[in-house]
């Protein structure tokens, strides 16, 4: 079974292989914000294949998108591969 941490590690590895940079985000006082920032691209929320977004995450992602932020939700190794394959650094 693929865990969220496996999806996260794969994202970091694939972004770095392609020459990109990814950062872990730490949000003070705000729940539901995305896990990672891919520099020059946008935000990424990571889940396991069986994980679901919480109500707070759905609201925060909607708010961020409304303000022009790109937020992608990736739930599997395949999602990560498809996401990274579409990026140009």
C-alpha atoms as a PDB file:
ATOM      1  CA  UNK A   1       0.000   0.000   0.000  1.00  0.00           C
ATOM      2  CA  UNK A   2       1.351   3.396  -0.979  1.00  0.00           C
ATOM      3  CA  UNK A   3       1.531   5.886   1.884  1.00  0.00           C
ATOM      4  CA  UNK A   4       1.342   9.659   1.618  1.00  0.00           C
ATOM      5  CA  UNK A   5       5.016   9.842   2.602  1.00  0.00           C
ATOM      6  CA  UNK A   6       5.879   7.579  -0.368  1.00  0.00           C
ATOM      7  CA  UNK A   7       4.034   9.930  -2.735  1.00  0.00           C
ATOM      8  CA  UNK A   8       5.846  12.901  -1.168  1.00  0.00           C
ATOM      9  CA  UNK A   9       9.297  11.304  -1.480  1.00  0.00           C
ATOM     10  CA  UNK A  10       8.591  10.429  -5.111  1.00  0.00           C
ATOM     11  CA  UNK A  11       7.551  14.026  -5.859  1.00  0.00           C
ATOM     12  CA  UNK A  12      10.765  15.403  -4.375  1.00  0.00           C
ATOM     13  CA  UNK A  13      12.913  12.889  -6.258  1.00  0.00           C
ATOM     14  CA  UNK A  14      11.207  13.477  -9.608  1.00  0.00           C
ATOM     15  CA  UNK A  15      11.242  17.289  -9.318  1.00  0.00           C
ATOM     16  CA  UNK A  16      14.955  17.290  -8.470  1.00  0.00           C
ATOM     17  CA  UNK A  17      15.739  14.855 -11.310  1.00  0.00           C
ATOM     18  CA  UNK A  18      14.103  17.310 -13.688  1.00  0.00           C
ATOM     19  CA  UNK A  19      16.141  20.226 -12.313  1.00  0.00           C
ATOM     20  CA  UNK A  20      13.400  21.793 -10.212  1.00  0.00           C
ATOM     21  CA  UNK A  21      13.180  22.703  -6.549  1.00  0.00           C
ATOM     22  CA  UNK A  22      10.517  21.798  -4.036  1.00  0.00           C
ATOM     23  CA  UNK A  23       9.991  23.134  -0.519  1.00  0.00           C
ATOM     24  CA  UNK A  24       8.004  21.932   2.466  1.00  0.00           C
ATOM     25  CA  UNK A  25       5.558  24.588   3.581  1.00  0.00           C
ATOM     26  CA  UNK A  26       4.945  25.400   7.218  1.00  0.00           C
ATOM     27  CA  UNK A  27       1.826  27.421   7.911  1.00  0.00           C
ATOM     28  CA  UNK A  28       1.441  29.159  11.246  1.00  0.00           C
ATOM     29  CA  UNK A  29      -2.105  29.468  12.487  1.00  0.00           C
ATOM     30  CA  UNK A  30      -3.752  28.228   9.271  1.00  0.00           C
ATOM     31  CA  UNK A  31      -5.056  24.688   8.873  1.00  0.00           C
ATOM     32  CA  UNK A  32      -5.666  22.981   5.551  1.00  0.00           C
ATOM     33  CA  UNK A  33      -2.880  24.517   3.485  1.00  0.00           C
ATOM     34  CA  UNK A  34      -0.949  22.530   0.861  1.00  0.00           C
ATOM     35  CA  UNK A  35       2.099  20.448   1.827  1.00  0.00           C
ATOM     36  CA  UNK A  36       4.671  21.507  -0.738  1.00  0.00           C
ATOM     37  CA  UNK A  37       5.659  24.359  -3.030  1.00  0.00           C
ATOM     38  CA  UNK A  38       7.244  23.553  -6.390  1.00  0.00           C
ATOM     39  CA  UNK A  39       9.222  26.712  -7.126  1.00  0.00           C
ATOM     40  CA  UNK A  40       8.082  28.475 -10.264  1.00  0.00           C
ATOM     41  CA  UNK A  41       5.040  26.215 -10.610  1.00  0.00           C
ATOM     42  CA  UNK A  42       2.675  26.206  -7.648  1.00  0.00           C
ATOM     43  CA  UNK A  43       1.425  24.379  -4.590  1.00  0.00           C
ATOM     44  CA  UNK A  44       0.968  20.636  -4.175  1.00  0.00           C
ATOM     45  CA  UNK A  45      -1.249  18.836  -1.683  1.00  0.00           C
ATOM     46  CA  UNK A  46      -0.237  15.197  -1.291  1.00  0.00           C
ATOM     47  CA  UNK A  47      -2.473  12.311  -0.264  1.00  0.00           C
ATOM     48  CA  UNK A  48      -2.271   8.547  -0.234  1.00  0.00           C
ATOM     49  CA  UNK A  49      -4.399   6.760  -2.848  1.00  0.00           C
ATOM     50  CA  UNK A  50      -7.089   6.269  -0.183  1.00  0.00           C
ATOM     51  CA  UNK A  51      -6.703   9.708   1.414  1.00  0.00           C
ATOM     52  CA  UNK A  52      -9.353  12.384   1.172  1.00  0.00           C
ATOM     53  CA  UNK A  53      -9.150  16.151   1.442  1.00  0.00           C
ATOM     54  CA  UNK A  54     -10.619  17.557   4.637  1.00  0.00           C
ATOM     55  CA  UNK A  55     -13.232  20.291   4.557  1.00  0.00           C
ATOM     56  CA  UNK A  56     -10.555  22.773   5.698  1.00  0.00           C
ATOM     57  CA  UNK A  57      -8.234  21.664   2.891  1.00  0.00           C
ATOM     58  CA  UNK A  58     -10.991  21.987   0.292  1.00  0.00           C
ATOM     59  CA  UNK A  59     -11.806  25.504   1.506  1.00  0.00           C
ATOM     60  CA  UNK A  60      -8.180  26.633   1.599  1.00  0.00           C
ATOM     61  CA  UNK A  61      -7.405  25.210  -1.852  1.00  0.00           C
ATOM     62  CA  UNK A  62     -10.513  26.914  -3.259  1.00  0.00           C
ATOM     63  CA  UNK A  63      -9.478  30.229  -1.661  1.00  0.00           C
ATOM     64  CA  UNK A  64      -5.924  29.950  -3.022  1.00  0.00           C
ATOM     65  CA  UNK A  65      -7.163  29.143  -6.542  1.00  0.00           C
ATOM     66  CA  UNK A  66      -9.606  32.046  -6.388  1.00  0.00           C
ATOM     67  CA  UNK A  67      -6.602  34.311  -5.774  1.00  0.00           C
ATOM     68  CA  UNK A  68      -4.702  32.954  -8.759  1.00  0.00           C
ATOM     69  CA  UNK A  69      -2.587  30.280  -7.094  1.00  0.00           C
ATOM     70  CA  UNK A  70      -2.058  26.953  -8.825  1.00  0.00           C
ATOM     71  CA  UNK A  71      -2.805  24.074  -6.449  1.00  0.00           C
ATOM     72  CA  UNK A  72      -2.543  20.443  -7.571  1.00  0.00           C
ATOM     73  CA  UNK A  73      -3.679  17.456  -5.525  1.00  0.00           C
ATOM     74  CA  UNK A  74      -1.592  14.326  -6.096  1.00  0.00           C
ATOM     75  CA  UNK A  75      -2.725  10.994  -4.667  1.00  0.00           C
ATOM     76  CA  UNK A  76      -0.418   8.402  -6.201  1.00  0.00           C
ATOM     77  CA  UNK A  77       2.971   7.729  -7.766  1.00  0.00           C
ATOM     78  CA  UNK A  78       1.235   7.880 -11.170  1.00  0.00           C
ATOM     79  CA  UNK A  79      -0.245  11.302 -10.336  1.00  0.00           C
ATOM     80  CA  UNK A  80       3.245  12.545  -9.467  1.00  0.00           C
ATOM     81  CA  UNK A  81       4.720  11.161 -12.685  1.00  0.00           C
ATOM     82  CA  UNK A  82       1.982  12.757 -14.816  1.00  0.00           C
ATOM     83  CA  UNK A  83       2.390  16.076 -12.987  1.00  0.00           C
ATOM     84  CA  UNK A  84       6.190  16.158 -13.316  1.00  0.00           C
ATOM     85  CA  UNK A  85       6.158  15.017 -16.953  1.00  0.00           C
ATOM     86  CA  UNK A  86       4.087  18.103 -17.793  1.00  0.00           C
ATOM     87  CA  UNK A  87       6.537  20.549 -16.174  1.00  0.00           C
ATOM     88  CA  UNK A  88       9.335  22.500 -17.822  1.00  0.00           C
ATOM     89  CA  UNK A  89      12.068  24.099 -15.697  1.00  0.00           C
END
